[in-house]
Amino acid sequence: MANQIAANLAAQGEAAAVAETAAHITRYWDPRMRAAILAADAAGLSPIARAAIASLPR
């Protein structure tokens, strides 16, 4: 799901897409979903999604 969000926002440019992807995850994802993606292997994430996840508070 993070990859889909990042792909939809990619047209805004990388920095904006990273920030908006992180904001979307923070606003709309259940805390359990956020915890799961923070604990998961980031290898399957796009560069934008990976950067967005890395910017989330732990």
N, C-alpha and C. Protein backbone atom coordinates (compact mmCIF):
# COMPACT_ATOMS: atom_id res chain seq x y z
N MET A 1 0.83 -1.19 0.00
CA MET A 1 0.00 0.00 0.00
C MET A 1 0.88 1.26 0.00
N ALA A 2 1.97 1.24 0.74
CA ALA A 2 2.87 2.40 0.78
C ALA A 2 3.43 2.68 -0.61
N ASN A 3 3.74 1.64 -1.37
CA ASN A 3 4.24 1.83 -2.73
C ASN A 3 3.19 2.49 -3.62
N GLN A 4 1.93 2.11 -3.46
CA GLN A 4 0.86 2.69 -4.27
C GLN A 4 0.68 4.17 -3.94
N ILE A 5 0.72 4.50 -2.67
CA ILE A 5 0.60 5.90 -2.25
C ILE A 5 1.76 6.70 -2.83
N ALA A 6 2.97 6.17 -2.69
CA ALA A 6 4.16 6.85 -3.20
C ALA A 6 4.08 7.03 -4.72
N ALA A 7 3.62 6.01 -5.43
CA ALA A 7 3.50 6.11 -6.88
C ALA A 7 2.50 7.19 -7.29
N ASN A 8 1.40 7.28 -6.56
CA ASN A 8 0.40 8.30 -6.87
C ASN A 8 0.91 9.71 -6.63
N LEU A 9 1.83 9.86 -5.70
CA LEU A 9 2.34 11.18 -5.34
C LEU A 9 3.65 11.52 -6.04
N ALA A 10 4.23 10.60 -6.77
CA ALA A 10 5.55 10.79 -7.39
C ALA A 10 5.60 11.97 -8.35
N ALA A 11 4.50 12.30 -8.98
CA ALA A 11 4.49 13.41 -9.94
C ALA A 11 4.78 14.76 -9.28
N GLN A 12 4.67 14.82 -7.97
CA GLN A 12 4.92 16.07 -7.24
C GLN A 12 6.42 16.34 -7.08
N GLY A 13 7.24 15.39 -7.45
CA GLY A 13 8.68 15.47 -7.23
C GLY A 13 9.04 14.65 -6.00
N GLU A 14 10.28 14.19 -5.95
CA GLU A 14 10.66 13.23 -4.91
C GLU A 14 10.48 13.77 -3.50
N ALA A 15 10.98 14.95 -3.22
CA ALA A 15 10.91 15.49 -1.84
C ALA A 15 9.47 15.66 -1.39
N ALA A 16 8.63 16.21 -2.23
CA ALA A 16 7.22 16.40 -1.89
C ALA A 16 6.52 15.05 -1.75
N ALA A 17 6.83 14.11 -2.63
CA ALA A 17 6.19 12.80 -2.57
C ALA A 17 6.56 12.07 -1.28
N VAL A 18 7.82 12.17 -0.88
CA VAL A 18 8.25 11.54 0.38
C VAL A 18 7.48 12.16 1.54
N ALA A 19 7.44 13.48 1.59
CA ALA A 19 6.75 14.17 2.69
C ALA A 19 5.26 13.85 2.72
N GLU A 20 4.62 13.85 1.57
CA GLU A 20 3.19 13.58 1.51
C GLU A 20 2.87 12.12 1.79
N THR A 21 3.72 11.21 1.36
CA THR A 21 3.52 9.79 1.67
C THR A 21 3.61 9.58 3.17
N ALA A 22 4.61 10.16 3.80
CA ALA A 22 4.76 10.05 5.26
C ALA A 22 3.56 10.68 5.97
N ALA A 23 3.11 11.82 5.49
CA ALA A 23 1.96 12.49 6.10
C ALA A 23 0.70 11.62 5.97
N HIS A 24 0.51 11.02 4.82
CA HIS A 24 -0.66 10.16 4.61
C HIS A 24 -0.63 8.98 5.57
N ILE A 25 0.53 8.34 5.68
CA ILE A 25 0.66 7.19 6.58
C ILE A 25 0.38 7.61 8.02
N THR A 26 0.91 8.74 8.42
CA THR A 26 0.71 9.24 9.78
C THR A 26 -0.76 9.55 10.05
N ARG A 27 -1.43 10.18 9.07
CA ARG A 27 -2.82 10.59 9.25
C ARG A 27 -3.81 9.44 9.20
N TYR A 28 -3.62 8.54 8.26
CA TYR A 28 -4.68 7.60 7.93
C TYR A 28 -4.43 6.14 8.31
N TRP A 29 -3.21 5.77 8.55
CA TRP A 29 -2.94 4.37 8.87
C TRP A 29 -3.16 4.13 10.35
N ASP A 30 -3.76 3.02 10.65
CA ASP A 30 -3.92 2.56 12.03
C ASP A 30 -2.52 2.39 12.66
N PRO A 31 -2.39 2.68 13.94
CA PRO A 31 -1.08 2.52 14.60
C PRO A 31 -0.47 1.13 14.41
N ARG A 32 -1.29 0.10 14.34
CA ARG A 32 -0.77 -1.26 14.11
C ARG A 32 -0.17 -1.40 12.73
N MET A 33 -0.77 -0.74 11.74
CA MET A 33 -0.23 -0.77 10.38
C MET A 33 1.11 -0.04 10.33
N ARG A 34 1.18 1.12 10.99
CA ARG A 34 2.45 1.87 11.03
C ARG A 34 3.53 1.05 11.71
N ALA A 35 3.20 0.42 12.83
CA ALA A 35 4.18 -0.40 13.55
C ALA A 35 4.66 -1.56 12.67
N ALA A 36 3.75 -2.14 11.93
CA ALA A 36 4.11 -3.27 11.07
C ALA A 36 5.06 -2.85 9.96
N ILE A 37 4.81 -1.71 9.35
CA ILE A 37 5.68 -1.30 8.24
C ILE A 37 7.03 -0.83 8.77
N LEU A 38 7.06 -0.28 9.97
CA LEU A 38 8.34 0.12 10.57
C LEU A 38 9.18 -1.11 10.89
N ALA A 39 8.54 -2.22 11.23
CA ALA A 39 9.25 -3.44 11.59
C ALA A 39 9.58 -4.31 10.39
N ALA A 40 8.94 -4.06 9.26
CA ALA A 40 9.10 -4.91 8.08
C ALA A 40 10.40 -4.60 7.33
N ASP A 41 10.80 -5.54 6.49
CA ASP A 41 11.95 -5.36 5.61
C ASP A 41 11.56 -4.36 4.53
N ALA A 42 12.35 -3.32 4.36
CA ALA A 42 12.05 -2.26 3.41
C ALA A 42 12.48 -2.58 1.98
N ALA A 43 13.02 -3.77 1.75
CA ALA A 43 13.54 -4.13 0.43
C ALA A 43 12.49 -4.05 -0.67
N GLY A 44 11.24 -4.32 -0.36
CA GLY A 44 10.19 -4.30 -1.37
C GLY A 44 9.57 -2.93 -1.61
N LEU A 45 10.06 -1.93 -0.91
CA LEU A 45 9.50 -0.59 -1.05
C LEU A 45 10.20 0.20 -2.14
N SER A 46 9.45 1.07 -2.78
CA SER A 46 10.05 1.98 -3.75
C SER A 46 10.93 2.98 -3.00
N PRO A 47 11.83 3.66 -3.70
CA PRO A 47 12.68 4.64 -3.01
C PRO A 47 11.88 5.73 -2.27
N ILE A 48 10.78 6.17 -2.85
CA ILE A 48 9.96 7.20 -2.20
C ILE A 48 9.30 6.63 -0.95
N ALA A 49 8.71 5.45 -1.07
CA ALA A 49 8.07 4.83 0.09
C ALA A 49 9.10 4.53 1.18
N ARG A 50 10.28 4.05 0.79
CA ARG A 50 11.33 3.75 1.76
C ARG A 50 11.74 5.00 2.53
N ALA A 51 11.93 6.10 1.81
CA ALA A 51 12.31 7.36 2.46
C ALA A 51 11.20 7.88 3.37
N ALA A 52 9.96 7.71 2.93
CA ALA A 52 8.82 8.15 3.76
C ALA A 52 8.76 7.35 5.04
N ILE A 53 8.94 6.04 4.95
CA ILE A 53 8.91 5.19 6.14
C ILE A 53 10.07 5.54 7.08
N ALA A 54 11.22 5.80 6.51
CA ALA A 54 12.39 6.15 7.32
C ALA A 54 12.19 7.46 8.07
N SER A 55 11.34 8.33 7.55
CA SER A 55 11.12 9.64 8.19
C SER A 55 10.05 9.60 9.28
N LEU A 56 9.35 8.47 9.40
CA LEU A 56 8.30 8.38 10.42
C LEU A 56 8.91 8.30 11.81
N PRO A 57 8.24 8.90 12.79
CA PRO A 57 8.75 8.77 14.16
C PRO A 57 8.67 7.31 14.63
N ARG A 58 9.62 6.92 15.41
CA ARG A 58 9.68 5.53 15.91
C ARG A 58 8.92 5.38 17.18
